[in-house]
């Protein structure tokens, strides 16, 4: 480490593994600006504090990190950082098919972070650009509670009745509801009487036809001659005509 700026690191590999707190890919300068790191790999794995960093000290500006990979895995507080202390942070450009276990954050945490911050303030922070086709599906997941609380019992806005003797209780039974969801529903036992006698066949009685009313036959008491010259038997008292001689002779033969 000299007084000038740090050099650049260019790595091309099939697989890169940085495991442990003492395993770091770093371009660091004590006085000048930090250097740059450029990595091209199919797989990059950071574990247990492994890091890729271009952090700057004192008044230096943070370096730049450019990563092009298929998959990036960073677990166990393994960071990718281009931070600064009193100057501007650097730039982090990441292009990957999938990123797992890490994410961009404003500052370093106890998790795996991607940062380009400055201790001088957010206005001195660098830039982080992530181009990820398939981000980590675990990001943004919400941990659901395992214990479900019991809601409080509802309270009635009405106070107790002034007359305790007016309180009534009605036992209605279960009304066919099963004691629990597994058992079948049964009706409450109720006394009843069953009539098991056979049902007699029903017959339909025909109403007798009522003969039409006929006038009674009366015995003839006299006779009379009609205008056509016919003799007609009559019942009842003979009609007496006033005036000329009648053509009828009551009780006489024609």
Foldseek 3Di string as FASTA:
>chain_A
DDQEEWEEAEEEEAEAEQEAQPREAEFEHAHEAGEEYEYEYAEYEYYQNYEYAQEYEDAYEFYEYEYEYAEYEHWQQYEYEREYEQAAFYEYEYEYQEYPQEDDDDDRDRGYYYARYYNNDRVRGYYYHYHYNYYYPVPPDDDDDPDDDDDDDDDDPDDDDPDPVPDDDDDPDPQQDDPDPVDHTDHDDDDDDDDPDDDDDDDDDDDDDDDDDDDDDDDFDWWFADPVRDIGTHDDDDDDDPDDDDPGDTPDDD
